[in-house]
Amino acid sequence: MKNFLFVTITACSIMLNVHLSYGQDDSERNRDVVIYSFFVNFVPDGFNYPLIGFVNNAMGNHKGVHVGFVNTNFKDFEGIQVGFVNSVLANTKGAQVGFVNTSLNSLTGIQVGFVNFTKSASNSPQIGFVNSASKLNGFQLGFVNYVDSLESGIPLGFVSIVRKGGYRAVELFASEMHPVNLSFKIGVKPLYTFITGSYGGNGDRLFEYGFGVGSIIDINNKLFFNPEIKSVSSPKLFNTHYYSFTPKLGYAFNKHIYMTAGPSIVWNYNEDLHPMANPTISIVDHTFGHSHRLIVGARLAIGARF
């Protein structure tokens, strides 16, 4: 990648024929060549002027602004990069806003883009479709988040994979609407996401699937509070949905096996006026009009963390 960028910049510099010396003798002039234009900017260490062009390259440390299609800083950068591809090959202090943002060492500031990548510690928010950090001390918001080692902070996304310090579990449970349910949970204890498959309902609701978010709040080394919010849909009834809130209490038998139990509050919305399924377990079952239904039931689960 470095060689490609260097060749590109060199070719552009020959075509533009814009050369300014930035030194005193021949060796320094060869090393500290400055190309400064509205198309290509190629500057040495300490040239702390704004770089605004199609391709911007700072070969050393740089403080200021990079605005272009491709922005690359080969050493420490302090400021803001705005472009399609932004790269800092050392430490970043400031902001990167673009389609692809990369900071190879530590990041202190913010990354906003489609893909955000830090190889070292991220002490700041990453906001994008895909976020990746070697060490996370901040916050990730995206569809897919990856953290090699979690030190502090929270990754929030549809899928958040944390290799060290994360939370992963498989849970088998009985619910108010289905006798057999299986969930896979992934993320971190303060905030994880999960998918659920359910079996054993009535008629068109024999199989259903759901997605939700939950949290593990430790009370002591055995007991914990486990609230979850979930949305459940049917593959056959596209306009029928369940939304549930479950404030459960859990008990950990050891670091892997646990069980949870608690009440469940379910709101059933049925836009197409299909006959509503009867709950398996219900304390309250009340229908509002033809398309809304409130069910209060209970859930019992056993799970394994890994």
Protein backbone atom coordinates (compact mmCIF):
# COMPACT_ATOMS: atom_id res chain seq x y z
CA MET A 1 0.00 0.00 0.00
CA LYS A 2 2.82 2.43 0.86
CA ASN A 3 4.66 1.63 -2.39
CA PHE A 4 1.50 2.09 -4.44
CA LEU A 5 0.80 5.48 -2.90
CA PHE A 6 4.43 6.57 -3.35
CA VAL A 7 4.45 5.60 -7.04
CA THR A 8 1.13 7.37 -7.59
CA ILE A 9 2.34 10.55 -5.96
CA THR A 10 5.65 10.51 -7.84
CA ALA A 11 3.91 10.10 -11.21
CA CYS A 12 1.54 12.94 -10.42
CA SER A 13 4.43 15.16 -9.36
CA ILE A 14 6.19 14.64 -12.71
CA MET A 15 3.06 15.57 -14.63
CA LEU A 16 2.40 18.61 -12.51
CA ASN A 17 6.07 19.64 -12.44
CA VAL A 18 5.56 21.43 -9.14
CA HIS A 19 8.67 21.21 -6.96
CA LEU A 20 9.58 23.37 -4.01
CA SER A 21 12.72 22.92 -1.94
CA TYR A 22 12.33 22.53 1.81
CA GLY A 23 15.94 22.27 2.98
CA GLN A 24 19.41 23.72 2.70
CA ASP A 25 21.62 21.27 0.80
CA ASP A 26 21.09 18.75 -1.98
CA SER A 27 20.50 15.77 0.32
CA GLU A 28 17.91 17.66 2.34
CA ARG A 29 16.19 18.88 -0.83
CA ASN A 30 15.91 15.33 -2.11
CA ARG A 31 14.48 14.18 1.19
CA ASP A 32 12.18 17.13 1.89
CA VAL A 33 10.57 17.75 -1.50
CA VAL A 34 7.23 19.55 -1.23
CA ILE A 35 4.43 19.10 -3.76
CA TYR A 36 1.61 21.44 -2.81
CA SER A 37 -1.32 21.84 -5.21
CA PHE A 38 -5.06 21.46 -5.40
CA PHE A 39 -4.70 17.98 -6.96
CA VAL A 40 -1.75 16.33 -5.17
CA ASN A 41 -0.11 17.26 -1.89
CA PHE A 42 3.12 15.55 -0.83
CA VAL A 43 4.75 17.13 2.22
CA PRO A 44 7.49 16.26 4.75
CA ASP A 45 7.53 16.17 8.53
CA GLY A 46 6.38 19.37 10.24
CA PHE A 47 4.74 20.94 7.18
CA ASN A 48 1.63 21.88 9.17
CA TYR A 49 -0.44 23.56 6.47
CA PRO A 50 -3.90 22.32 5.38
CA LEU A 51 -3.75 19.62 2.70
CA ILE A 52 -6.68 20.01 0.32
CA GLY A 53 -6.47 17.95 -2.85
CA PHE A 54 -7.46 14.69 -4.56
CA VAL A 55 -4.52 12.82 -2.95
CA ASN A 56 -2.87 14.08 0.24
CA ASN A 57 0.28 12.54 1.74
CA ALA A 58 2.14 13.70 4.84
CA MET A 59 5.39 11.73 5.09
CA GLY A 60 6.04 12.64 8.75
CA ASN A 61 4.11 14.05 11.70
CA HIS A 62 1.37 16.44 10.72
CA LYS A 63 -1.04 18.77 12.52
CA GLY A 64 -3.93 20.27 10.63
CA VAL A 65 -6.54 19.27 8.08
CA HIS A 66 -6.61 16.69 5.27
CA VAL A 67 -9.49 17.03 2.80
CA GLY A 68 -9.34 14.79 -0.27
CA PHE A 69 -10.27 11.51 -1.91
CA VAL A 70 -7.26 9.67 -0.35
CA ASN A 71 -5.55 11.03 2.76
CA THR A 72 -2.46 9.32 4.19
CA ASN A 73 -0.29 10.33 7.15
CA PHE A 74 2.83 8.19 7.61
CA LYS A 75 3.53 9.19 11.24
CA ASP A 76 1.52 10.80 14.06
CA PHE A 77 -1.44 12.91 13.02
CA GLU A 78 -3.36 15.53 14.99
CA GLY A 79 -6.39 17.15 13.39
CA ILE A 80 -9.14 15.98 11.04
CA GLN A 81 -9.13 13.84 7.90
CA VAL A 82 -12.14 14.01 5.59
CA GLY A 83 -12.13 11.82 2.48
CA PHE A 84 -13.08 8.52 0.89
CA VAL A 85 -10.04 6.68 2.35
CA ASN A 86 -8.27 8.06 5.43
CA SER A 87 -5.12 6.40 6.83
CA VAL A 88 -2.78 7.22 9.69
CA LEU A 89 0.13 4.80 10.02
CA ALA A 90 0.92 5.81 13.60
CA ASN A 91 -1.09 7.58 16.34
CA THR A 92 -4.22 9.62 15.67
CA LYS A 93 -5.55 12.45 17.81
CA GLY A 94 -8.63 14.00 16.28
CA ALA A 95 -11.22 12.78 13.77
CA GLN A 96 -11.41 10.62 10.66
CA VAL A 97 -14.55 10.96 8.53
CA GLY A 98 -14.77 8.86 5.38
CA PHE A 99 -15.80 5.60 3.75
CA VAL A 100 -12.74 3.72 5.11
CA ASN A 101 -10.84 5.03 8.14
CA THR A 102 -7.64 3.42 9.46
CA SER A 103 -5.43 4.30 12.41
CA LEU A 104 -2.70 1.70 12.88
CA ASN A 105 -1.74 2.75 16.41
CA SER A 106 -3.78 4.46 19.11
CA LEU A 107 -6.87 6.53 18.33
CA THR A 108 -7.95 9.42 20.53
CA GLY A 109 -10.89 11.19 18.94
CA ILE A 110 -13.57 9.71 16.68
CA GLN A 111 -13.92 7.63 13.52
CA VAL A 112 -17.09 7.96 11.42
CA GLY A 113 -17.35 5.89 8.24
CA PHE A 114 -18.51 2.69 6.57
CA VAL A 115 -15.42 0.77 7.78
CA ASN A 116 -13.37 1.91 10.78
CA PHE A 117 -10.18 0.08 11.72
CA THR A 118 -7.64 0.52 14.56
CA LYS A 119 -4.90 -2.09 15.09
CA SER A 120 -3.98 -0.74 18.52
CA ALA A 121 -5.99 0.89 21.34
CA SER A 122 -9.17 2.81 20.52
CA ASN A 123 -10.00 5.30 23.26
CA SER A 124 -12.77 6.98 21.29
CA PRO A 125 -16.05 6.27 19.48
CA GLN A 126 -16.11 4.29 16.25
CA ILE A 127 -19.32 4.80 14.27
CA GLY A 128 -19.80 2.85 11.05
CA PHE A 129 -21.20 -0.25 9.37
CA VAL A 130 -18.08 -2.26 10.35
CA ASN A 131 -15.86 -1.29 13.28
CA SER A 132 -12.67 -3.07 14.35
CA ALA A 133 -10.26 -2.39 17.22
CA SER A 134 -7.44 -4.36 18.77
CA LYS A 135 -8.13 -2.87 22.22
CA LEU A 136 -11.32 -0.98 23.00
CA ASN A 137 -11.57 1.66 25.70
CA GLY A 138 -14.35 3.61 24.04
CA PHE A 139 -17.58 2.96 22.18
CA GLN A 140 -18.48 1.19 18.94
CA LEU A 141 -21.76 1.70 17.10
CA GLY A 142 -22.25 -0.33 13.94
CA PHE A 143 -23.85 -3.31 12.25
CA VAL A 144 -20.75 -5.47 12.89
CA ASN A 145 -18.22 -4.71 15.64
CA TYR A 146 -15.02 -6.63 16.34
CA VAL A 147 -12.78 -6.20 19.39
CA ASP A 148 -9.76 -8.36 20.04
CA SER A 149 -9.45 -7.32 23.70
CA LEU A 150 -12.03 -5.34 25.66
CA GLU A 151 -10.59 -3.09 28.36
CA SER A 152 -13.58 -0.81 28.94
CA GLY A 153 -16.44 0.59 26.92
CA ILE A 154 -19.26 -1.05 24.98
CA PRO A 155 -19.64 -2.31 21.39
CA LEU A 156 -23.25 -1.90 20.21
CA GLY A 157 -24.36 -3.53 16.98
CA PHE A 158 -26.34 -6.30 15.34
CA VAL A 159 -23.28 -8.53 15.86
CA SER A 160 -20.53 -7.56 18.32
CA ILE A 161 -17.65 -10.03 18.52
CA VAL A 162 -15.29 -9.61 21.47
CA ARG A 163 -12.51 -12.20 21.52
CA LYS A 164 -11.20 -11.41 25.04
CA GLY A 165 -13.56 -10.12 27.69
CA GLY A 166 -16.76 -10.66 25.71
CA TYR A 167 -20.01 -12.48 26.46
CA ARG A 168 -21.27 -15.49 24.50
CA ALA A 169 -24.02 -17.89 25.57
CA VAL A 170 -26.50 -20.46 24.30
CA GLU A 171 -29.82 -20.60 26.11
CA LEU A 172 -32.73 -23.08 26.07
CA PHE A 173 -35.96 -21.77 27.55
CA ALA A 174 -39.73 -22.12 27.79
CA SER A 175 -41.80 -18.99 27.19
CA GLU A 176 -45.39 -17.80 27.45
CA MET A 177 -45.95 -18.39 23.70
CA HIS A 178 -43.69 -21.37 22.85
CA PRO A 179 -42.65 -24.38 24.94
CA VAL A 180 -39.28 -24.70 23.16
CA ASN A 181 -36.95 -21.75 22.39
CA LEU A 182 -33.23 -21.54 21.63
CA SER A 183 -31.16 -18.33 21.76
CA PHE A 184 -27.60 -17.44 20.83
CA LYS A 185 -26.22 -14.37 22.63
CA ILE A 186 -23.11 -12.36 21.79
CA GLY A 187 -21.56 -9.07 22.89
CA VAL A 188 -20.56 -7.92 26.36
CA LYS A 189 -22.31 -8.40 29.71
CA PRO A 190 -23.57 -4.80 30.01
CA LEU A 191 -25.15 -4.97 26.54
CA TYR A 192 -25.47 -7.99 24.25
CA THR A 193 -27.66 -8.95 21.28
CA PHE A 194 -29.27 -12.30 20.56
CA ILE A 195 -31.26 -14.25 18.00
CA THR A 196 -33.96 -16.74 18.93
CA GLY A 197 -35.73 -19.62 17.20
CA SER A 198 -39.05 -20.80 18.68
CA TYR A 199 -41.08 -23.98 18.18
CA GLY A 200 -44.43 -25.27 19.39
CA GLY A 201 -46.92 -22.46 18.75
CA ASN A 202 -50.38 -22.80 17.20
CA GLY A 203 -51.10 -23.14 13.46
CA ASP A 204 -49.08 -20.66 11.41
CA ARG A 205 -47.02 -19.84 14.51
CA LEU A 206 -45.48 -23.29 14.85
CA PHE A 207 -42.05 -21.80 13.98
CA GLU A 208 -41.09 -18.21 14.81
CA TYR A 209 -37.87 -16.24 15.10
CA GLY A 210 -36.76 -13.19 17.03
CA PHE A 211 -34.03 -10.67 17.73
CA GLY A 212 -33.33 -8.79 20.94
CA VAL A 213 -30.97 -7.03 23.32
CA GLY A 214 -30.20 -7.77 26.94
CA SER A 215 -27.95 -7.01 29.87
CA ILE A 216 -26.27 -8.90 32.71
CA ILE A 217 -26.17 -6.90 35.95
CA ASP A 218 -24.33 -8.76 38.71
CA ILE A 219 -25.88 -8.68 42.20
CA ASN A 220 -23.16 -10.86 43.73
CA ASN A 221 -20.90 -13.65 42.49
CA LYS A 222 -23.91 -15.97 41.97
CA LEU A 223 -27.03 -13.85 41.49
CA PHE A 224 -27.62 -11.44 38.60
CA PHE A 225 -30.41 -9.36 37.07
CA ASN A 226 -31.07 -10.11 33.39
CA PRO A 227 -33.53 -7.77 31.61
CA GLU A 228 -34.21 -8.45 27.92
CA ILE A 229 -36.24 -6.83 25.14
CA LYS A 230 -37.17 -8.94 22.13
CA SER A 231 -39.12 -8.75 18.87
CA VAL A 232 -40.59 -11.98 17.45
CA SER A 233 -41.96 -12.52 13.95
CA SER A 234 -43.51 -15.36 11.96
CA PRO A 235 -42.19 -16.51 8.54
CA LYS A 236 -45.79 -16.95 7.36
CA LEU A 237 -47.56 -13.98 8.97
CA PHE A 238 -45.48 -10.99 7.93
CA ASN A 239 -47.64 -8.38 9.68
CA THR A 240 -47.88 -10.14 13.01
CA HIS A 241 -45.28 -9.36 15.69
CA TYR A 242 -44.63 -9.88 19.37
CA TYR A 243 -42.69 -7.36 21.44
CA SER A 244 -41.66 -8.55 24.88
CA PHE A 245 -39.91 -7.30 28.00
CA THR A 246 -38.57 -9.86 30.45
CA PRO A 247 -37.04 -8.74 33.79
CA LYS A 248 -35.45 -12.04 34.89
CA LEU A 249 -33.34 -13.06 37.85
CA GLY A 250 -30.46 -15.46 37.25
CA TYR A 251 -28.32 -17.84 39.27
CA ALA A 252 -24.86 -18.97 38.11
CA PHE A 253 -24.00 -22.52 39.16
CA ASN A 254 -20.43 -21.94 37.96
CA LYS A 255 -18.70 -19.71 35.40
CA HIS A 256 -20.40 -21.58 32.53
CA ILE A 257 -23.85 -22.91 33.56
CA TYR A 258 -26.69 -20.68 34.75
CA MET A 259 -30.48 -20.50 34.95
CA THR A 260 -32.91 -17.60 34.80
CA ALA A 261 -36.61 -17.14 35.58
CA GLY A 262 -39.03 -14.24 35.66
CA PRO A 263 -42.21 -12.67 34.36
CA SER A 264 -42.72 -11.61 30.76
CA ILE A 265 -44.80 -8.76 29.35
CA VAL A 266 -45.81 -9.29 25.71
CA TRP A 267 -47.52 -6.92 23.29
CA ASN A 268 -48.95 -8.71 20.25
CA TYR A 269 -49.66 -6.62 17.14
CA ASN A 270 -51.69 -8.33 14.41
CA GLU A 271 -52.21 -6.02 11.40
CA ASP A 272 -53.87 -8.63 9.14
CA LEU A 273 -56.43 -9.67 11.77
CA HIS A 274 -55.34 -13.34 11.80
CA PRO A 275 -56.63 -15.34 14.77
CA MET A 276 -54.21 -14.72 17.63
CA ALA A 277 -52.36 -17.65 19.11
CA ASN A 278 -53.24 -18.74 22.60
CA PRO A 279 -50.36 -18.42 25.06
CA THR A 280 -48.85 -21.49 26.70
CA ILE A 281 -48.49 -19.73 30.07
CA SER A 282 -50.44 -16.58 30.94
CA ILE A 283 -51.29 -14.59 34.03
CA VAL A 284 -53.01 -11.81 32.08
CA ASP A 285 -54.43 -12.17 28.55
CA HIS A 286 -56.39 -9.16 27.31
CA THR A 287 -57.33 -8.13 23.76
CA PHE A 288 -57.72 -4.50 22.69
CA GLY A 289 -59.93 -4.28 19.60
CA HIS A 290 -59.02 -6.71 16.82
CA SER A 291 -55.29 -6.21 16.41
CA HIS A 292 -53.69 -5.65 19.82
CA ARG A 293 -53.21 -8.03 22.71
CA LEU A 294 -51.46 -7.82 26.09
CA ILE A 295 -50.11 -11.02 27.63
CA VAL A 296 -48.32 -11.36 30.95
CA GLY A 297 -46.63 -14.72 31.31
CA ALA A 298 -43.42 -16.27 32.56
CA ARG A 299 -40.12 -17.67 31.27
CA LEU A 300 -37.71 -20.29 32.59
CA ALA A 301 -34.30 -20.85 31.00
CA ILE A 302 -31.05 -22.73 31.38
CA GLY A 303 -27.96 -21.55 29.57
CA ALA A 304 -24.26 -22.11 28.99
CA ARG A 305 -21.63 -19.36 28.70
CA PHE A 306 -18.47 -19.95 26.72
